[in-house]
Amino acid sequence: MENTTLQTEVVKRWLQNDNYHDFKTIVSQFRDENGTVDDVALSRWLKSKAKDSSQTHYAVMYHGTGASVPVMEDGLKRTSAKTKKSLQSATGYVYLSCYPSSAEMFGDVAYPHDDAVVYAVYVPIRDLLCDRDQLINKRMWGSDDGITIKDTLAHSLIYGHGARTKSEILPYAIARYSIKEKIF
């Protein structure tokens, strides 16, 4: 299997702007020397960015899907009963990951007979919600060292490695990041 990185200049330009935040690095900025993330400080930071009335702050996150899905033409639509690929996923959301590798895995699982494509997207931080589906999995299959995992955006990013939004993501806010070709 070949993984060809297609990170575009668009994504690089997004990250040069002070109000675009790459969540794969943001979470690590709140990690101490023991590897523990200060969820209270992260939560405060998220709220300050969401409530900043002087400018909109954006999260750069990732979404994985099949190559046959016309994302660059149609954008990312909210999950419907018809398009739902997981029994546990709630309808009405677009699911996003902090990490390209996690997004790729979701694309592989949802479209096992199609190449997995990862898209970088930017979403207003104020539109992000905790991904309760991933937090339920984390609680069910083992939490980290007895930590009580809460339904908060900070915990969703730390323990579930993602978030969701009720907003559809339009094509102008999407850049193809990578593609994993399947060899059959």
C-alpha atoms as a PDB file:
ATOM      1  CA  MET A   1       0.000   0.000   0.000  1.00  0.00           C
ATOM      2  CA  GLU A   2       1.300   3.378  -0.971  1.00  0.00           C
ATOM      3  CA  ASN A   3       0.630   6.582   0.945  1.00  0.00           C
ATOM      4  CA  THR A   4       1.333   9.615  -1.193  1.00  0.00           C
ATOM      5  CA  THR A   5       1.348  12.905   0.699  1.00  0.00           C
ATOM      6  CA  LEU A   6      -0.469  15.647  -1.159  1.00  0.00           C
ATOM      7  CA  GLN A   7      -0.298  18.397   1.478  1.00  0.00           C
ATOM      8  CA  THR A   8      -1.059  21.506  -0.477  1.00  0.00           C
ATOM      9  CA  GLU A   9       0.184  25.054  -0.304  1.00  0.00           C
ATOM     10  CA  VAL A  10      -3.340  25.963   0.785  1.00  0.00           C
ATOM     11  CA  VAL A  11      -2.941  24.121   4.099  1.00  0.00           C
ATOM     12  CA  LYS A  12       0.474  25.721   4.651  1.00  0.00           C
ATOM     13  CA  ARG A  13      -1.047  29.161   4.021  1.00  0.00           C
ATOM     14  CA  TRP A  14      -3.860  28.442   6.474  1.00  0.00           C
ATOM     15  CA  LEU A  15      -1.339  27.629   9.194  1.00  0.00           C
ATOM     16  CA  GLN A  16       0.665  30.823   8.581  1.00  0.00           C
ATOM     17  CA  ASN A  17      -2.376  32.825   9.657  1.00  0.00           C
ATOM     18  CA  ASP A  18      -2.577  33.538  13.407  1.00  0.00           C
ATOM     19  CA  ASN A  19      -6.265  32.678  13.639  1.00  0.00           C
ATOM     20  CA  TYR A  20      -5.870  29.165  12.133  1.00  0.00           C
ATOM     21  CA  HIS A  21      -4.868  26.528  14.683  1.00  0.00           C
ATOM     22  CA  ASP A  22      -3.597  23.037  13.850  1.00  0.00           C
ATOM     23  CA  PHE A  23      -5.215  20.836  16.473  1.00  0.00           C
ATOM     24  CA  LYS A  24      -2.648  18.055  16.160  1.00  0.00           C
ATOM     25  CA  THR A  25      -0.151  20.510  17.697  1.00  0.00           C
ATOM     26  CA  ILE A  26      -2.531  22.507  19.917  1.00  0.00           C
ATOM     27  CA  VAL A  27      -3.315  19.562  22.206  1.00  0.00           C
ATOM     28  CA  SER A  28       0.403  18.823  22.653  1.00  0.00           C
ATOM     29  CA  GLN A  29       1.020  22.424  23.759  1.00  0.00           C
ATOM     30  CA  PHE A  30      -1.068  21.694  26.863  1.00  0.00           C
ATOM     31  CA  ARG A  31       0.839  18.470  27.694  1.00  0.00           C
ATOM     32  CA  ASP A  32       3.181  18.480  30.701  1.00  0.00           C
ATOM     33  CA  GLU A  33       6.506  16.639  31.082  1.00  0.00           C
ATOM     34  CA  ASN A  34       4.638  13.498  32.250  1.00  0.00           C
ATOM     35  CA  GLY A  35       2.467  13.450  29.120  1.00  0.00           C
ATOM     36  CA  THR A  36      -0.678  14.609  30.919  1.00  0.00           C
ATOM     37  CA  VAL A  37      -2.784  17.198  29.125  1.00  0.00           C
ATOM     38  CA  ASP A  38      -4.127  20.072  31.228  1.00  0.00           C
ATOM     39  CA  ASP A  39      -7.758  19.764  30.172  1.00  0.00           C
ATOM     40  CA  VAL A  40      -8.830  22.824  32.173  1.00  0.00           C
ATOM     41  CA  ALA A  41      -6.258  25.054  30.452  1.00  0.00           C
ATOM     42  CA  LEU A  42      -7.153  23.595  27.046  1.00  0.00           C
ATOM     43  CA  SER A  43     -10.849  24.164  27.744  1.00  0.00           C
ATOM     44  CA  ARG A  44     -10.135  27.799  28.720  1.00  0.00           C
ATOM     45  CA  TRP A  45      -8.090  28.301  25.549  1.00  0.00           C
ATOM     46  CA  LEU A  46     -10.874  26.813  23.377  1.00  0.00           C
ATOM     47  CA  LYS A  47     -13.505  29.023  25.009  1.00  0.00           C
ATOM     48  CA  SER A  48     -11.363  32.141  24.588  1.00  0.00           C
ATOM     49  CA  LYS A  49     -10.910  31.426  20.872  1.00  0.00           C
ATOM     50  CA  ALA A  50     -14.605  30.586  20.408  1.00  0.00           C
ATOM     51  CA  LYS A  51     -15.733  33.799  22.122  1.00  0.00           C
ATOM     52  CA  ASP A  52     -13.182  36.172  20.542  1.00  0.00           C
ATOM     53  CA  SER A  53     -15.424  38.819  18.968  1.00  0.00           C
ATOM     54  CA  SER A  54     -12.543  40.590  17.215  1.00  0.00           C
ATOM     55  CA  GLN A  55     -11.901  37.704  14.798  1.00  0.00           C
ATOM     56  CA  THR A  56     -12.964  34.160  13.979  1.00  0.00           C
ATOM     57  CA  HIS A  57     -10.497  31.475  15.033  1.00  0.00           C
ATOM     58  CA  TYR A  58     -10.376  28.294  12.965  1.00  0.00           C
ATOM     59  CA  ALA A  59      -9.382  24.716  13.750  1.00  0.00           C
ATOM     60  CA  VAL A  60      -7.489  22.853  11.056  1.00  0.00           C
ATOM     61  CA  MET A  61      -8.608  19.238  11.335  1.00  0.00           C
ATOM     62  CA  TYR A  62      -8.889  16.170   9.117  1.00  0.00           C
ATOM     63  CA  HIS A  63     -11.650  14.036   7.584  1.00  0.00           C
ATOM     64  CA  GLY A  64     -11.168  10.663   5.902  1.00  0.00           C
ATOM     65  CA  THR A  65     -13.493   9.188   3.298  1.00  0.00           C
ATOM     66  CA  GLY A  66     -13.475   7.188   0.082  1.00  0.00           C
ATOM     67  CA  ALA A  67     -12.009   8.563  -3.148  1.00  0.00           C
ATOM     68  CA  SER A  68     -15.391   8.083  -4.865  1.00  0.00           C
ATOM     69  CA  VAL A  69     -17.047  10.683  -2.604  1.00  0.00           C
ATOM     70  CA  PRO A  70     -17.085  14.072  -4.449  1.00  0.00           C
ATOM     71  CA  VAL A  71     -15.824  16.126  -1.514  1.00  0.00           C
ATOM     72  CA  MET A  72     -14.069  18.825  -3.544  1.00  0.00           C
ATOM     73  CA  GLU A  73     -17.269  19.430  -5.540  1.00  0.00           C
ATOM     74  CA  ASP A  74     -19.942  19.035  -2.847  1.00  0.00           C
ATOM     75  CA  GLY A  75     -18.075  19.694   0.401  1.00  0.00           C
ATOM     76  CA  LEU A  76     -18.560  17.570   3.502  1.00  0.00           C
ATOM     77  CA  LYS A  77     -22.216  16.936   4.268  1.00  0.00           C
ATOM     78  CA  ARG A  78     -23.629  16.024   7.645  1.00  0.00           C
ATOM     79  CA  THR A  79     -24.084  12.298   8.208  1.00  0.00           C
ATOM     80  CA  SER A  80     -27.588  11.117   7.342  1.00  0.00           C
ATOM     81  CA  ALA A  81     -29.281   7.790   7.938  1.00  0.00           C
ATOM     82  CA  LYS A  82     -28.537   6.985   4.278  1.00  0.00           C
ATOM     83  CA  THR A  83     -24.813   7.888   4.381  1.00  0.00           C
ATOM     84  CA  LYS A  84     -24.046   6.654   7.899  1.00  0.00           C
ATOM     85  CA  LYS A  85     -21.169   4.122   7.901  1.00  0.00           C
ATOM     86  CA  SER A  86     -21.026   3.342  11.616  1.00  0.00           C
ATOM     87  CA  LEU A  87     -23.769   1.995  13.861  1.00  0.00           C
ATOM     88  CA  GLN A  88     -22.768   4.294  16.686  1.00  0.00           C
ATOM     89  CA  SER A  89     -22.437   7.560  14.758  1.00  0.00           C
ATOM     90  CA  ALA A  90     -25.197  10.059  15.320  1.00  0.00           C
ATOM     91  CA  THR A  91     -26.753  11.657  12.260  1.00  0.00           C
ATOM     92  CA  GLY A  92     -26.573  15.394  11.640  1.00  0.00           C
ATOM     93  CA  TYR A  93     -22.808  15.876  12.138  1.00  0.00           C
ATOM     94  CA  VAL A  94     -19.559  16.052  10.196  1.00  0.00           C
ATOM     95  CA  TYR A  95     -16.903  14.111  12.114  1.00  0.00           C
ATOM     96  CA  LEU A  96     -13.324  15.423  12.245  1.00  0.00           C
ATOM     97  CA  SER A  97     -10.019  14.139  13.580  1.00  0.00           C
ATOM     98  CA  CYS A  98      -7.051  15.989  15.048  1.00  0.00           C
ATOM     99  CA  TYR A  99      -4.728  13.589  13.223  1.00  0.00           C
ATOM    100  CA  PRO A 100      -4.467  12.695   9.517  1.00  0.00           C
ATOM    101  CA  SER A 101      -3.663   9.064  10.402  1.00  0.00           C
ATOM    102  CA  SER A 102      -6.903   8.677  12.372  1.00  0.00           C
ATOM    103  CA  ALA A 103      -8.886  10.255   9.549  1.00  0.00           C
ATOM    104  CA  GLU A 104      -7.268   7.816   7.116  1.00  0.00           C
ATOM    105  CA  MET A 105      -8.257   4.872   9.310  1.00  0.00           C
ATOM    106  CA  PHE A 106     -11.893   6.042   9.355  1.00  0.00           C
ATOM    107  CA  GLY A 107     -11.801   6.383   5.545  1.00  0.00           C
ATOM    108  CA  ASP A 108     -10.411   2.832   5.257  1.00  0.00           C
ATOM    109  CA  VAL A 109     -13.075   1.374   7.533  1.00  0.00           C
ATOM    110  CA  ALA A 110     -15.999   3.253   5.962  1.00  0.00           C
ATOM    111  CA  TYR A 111     -14.919   2.524   2.366  1.00  0.00           C
ATOM    112  CA  PRO A 112     -13.049  -0.805   2.423  1.00  0.00           C
ATOM    113  CA  HIS A 113     -13.077  -1.204  -1.387  1.00  0.00           C
ATOM    114  CA  ASP A 114     -12.084   2.363  -2.221  1.00  0.00           C
ATOM    115  CA  ASP A 115      -8.895   4.403  -1.849  1.00  0.00           C
ATOM    116  CA  ALA A 116      -8.918   6.377   1.402  1.00  0.00           C
ATOM    117  CA  VAL A 117      -8.570  10.132   0.976  1.00  0.00           C
ATOM    118  CA  VAL A 118      -7.781  12.488   3.831  1.00  0.00           C
ATOM    119  CA  TYR A 119      -8.898  16.083   3.596  1.00  0.00           C
ATOM    120  CA  ALA A 120      -7.623  18.960   5.709  1.00  0.00           C
ATOM    121  CA  VAL A 121     -10.486  21.269   6.609  1.00  0.00           C
ATOM    122  CA  TYR A 122     -10.866  24.456   8.546  1.00  0.00           C
ATOM    123  CA  VAL A 123     -13.838  25.023  10.810  1.00  0.00           C
ATOM    124  CA  PRO A 124     -14.625  27.888  13.197  1.00  0.00           C
ATOM    125  CA  ILE A 125     -13.637  26.754  16.686  1.00  0.00           C
ATOM    126  CA  ARG A 126     -16.979  28.081  17.957  1.00  0.00           C
ATOM    127  CA  ASP A 127     -18.734  25.440  15.768  1.00  0.00           C
ATOM    128  CA  LEU A 128     -16.870  22.439  17.221  1.00  0.00           C
ATOM    129  CA  LEU A 129     -18.672  20.029  19.524  1.00  0.00           C
ATOM    130  CA  CYS A 130     -17.403  17.071  21.491  1.00  0.00           C
ATOM    131  CA  ASP A 131     -17.545  13.758  19.636  1.00  0.00           C
ATOM    132  CA  ARG A 132     -19.642  11.813  22.135  1.00  0.00           C
ATOM    133  CA  ASP A 133     -19.416   8.647  20.016  1.00  0.00           C
ATOM    134  CA  GLN A 134     -15.635   8.450  20.439  1.00  0.00           C
ATOM    135  CA  LEU A 135     -15.878   9.331  24.142  1.00  0.00           C
ATOM    136  CA  ILE A 136     -18.372   6.492  24.672  1.00  0.00           C
ATOM    137  CA  ASN A 137     -15.881   4.131  23.010  1.00  0.00           C
ATOM    138  CA  LYS A 138     -13.066   5.419  25.193  1.00  0.00           C
ATOM    139  CA  ARG A 139     -15.129   4.923  28.359  1.00  0.00           C
ATOM    140  CA  MET A 140     -16.296   1.465  27.267  1.00  0.00           C
ATOM    141  CA  TRP A 141     -12.939   0.105  26.099  1.00  0.00           C
ATOM    142  CA  GLY A 142     -10.721   1.695  28.696  1.00  0.00           C
ATOM    143  CA  SER A 143      -9.994   5.161  29.916  1.00  0.00           C
ATOM    144  CA  ASP A 144      -6.558   6.537  30.695  1.00  0.00           C
ATOM    145  CA  ASP A 145      -5.433   5.632  34.228  1.00  0.00           C
ATOM    146  CA  GLY A 146      -8.787   6.040  35.957  1.00  0.00           C
ATOM    147  CA  ILE A 147      -9.471   9.496  34.549  1.00  0.00           C
ATOM    148  CA  THR A 148     -13.134  10.418  34.424  1.00  0.00           C
ATOM    149  CA  ILE A 149     -13.792  11.319  30.812  1.00  0.00           C
ATOM    150  CA  LYS A 150     -16.363  14.090  30.460  1.00  0.00           C
ATOM    151  CA  ASP A 151     -18.486  15.158  27.489  1.00  0.00           C
ATOM    152  CA  THR A 152     -16.453  18.299  26.801  1.00  0.00           C
ATOM    153  CA  LEU A 153     -14.707  19.508  23.677  1.00  0.00           C
ATOM    154  CA  ALA A 154     -11.351  19.447  25.504  1.00  0.00           C
ATOM    155  CA  HIS A 155     -11.820  15.777  26.495  1.00  0.00           C
ATOM    156  CA  SER A 156     -13.026  14.966  22.992  1.00  0.00           C
ATOM    157  CA  LEU A 157      -9.786  16.362  21.560  1.00  0.00           C
ATOM    158  CA  ILE A 158      -7.545  14.791  24.234  1.00  0.00           C
ATOM    159  CA  TYR A 159      -9.082  11.317  24.573  1.00  0.00           C
ATOM    160  CA  GLY A 160     -11.222  10.902  21.446  1.00  0.00           C
ATOM    161  CA  HIS A 161      -8.726  12.694  19.174  1.00  0.00           C
ATOM    162  CA  GLY A 162     -11.465  14.549  17.349  1.00  0.00           C
ATOM    163  CA  ALA A 163     -14.617  16.615  17.316  1.00  0.00           C
ATOM    164  CA  ARG A 164     -17.776  17.042  15.309  1.00  0.00           C
ATOM    165  CA  THR A 165     -19.725  19.949  13.900  1.00  0.00           C
ATOM    166  CA  LYS A 166     -23.333  20.464  12.855  1.00  0.00           C
ATOM    167  CA  SER A 167     -22.125  22.700  10.027  1.00  0.00           C
ATOM    168  CA  GLU A 168     -21.557  21.345   6.557  1.00  0.00           C
ATOM    169  CA  ILE A 169     -18.062  22.159   5.324  1.00  0.00           C
ATOM    170  CA  LEU A 170     -18.013  23.938   1.991  1.00  0.00           C
ATOM    171  CA  PRO A 171     -15.405  23.149  -0.693  1.00  0.00           C
ATOM    172  CA  TYR A 172     -13.483  26.414  -0.168  1.00  0.00           C
ATOM    173  CA  ALA A 173     -12.631  25.245   3.389  1.00  0.00           C
ATOM    174  CA  ILE A 174     -11.240  21.884   2.222  1.00  0.00           C
ATOM    175  CA  ALA A 175      -7.883  20.810   0.789  1.00  0.00           C
ATOM    176  CA  ARG A 176      -6.912  17.277  -0.187  1.00  0.00           C
ATOM    177  CA  TYR A 177      -4.191  16.220   2.235  1.00  0.00           C
ATOM    178  CA  SER A 178      -3.300  12.628   1.298  1.00  0.00           C
ATOM    179  CA  ILE A 179      -4.529   9.536  -0.464  1.00  0.00           C
ATOM    180  CA  LYS A 180      -3.900   5.912   0.441  1.00  0.00           C
ATOM    181  CA  GLU A 181      -4.254   3.725  -2.605  1.00  0.00           C
ATOM    182  CA  LYS A 182      -5.517   0.204  -2.104  1.00  0.00           C
ATOM    183  CA  ILE A 183      -3.823  -2.605  -3.964  1.00  0.00           C
ATOM    184  CA  PHE A 184      -6.143  -5.542  -4.580  1.00  0.00           C
END
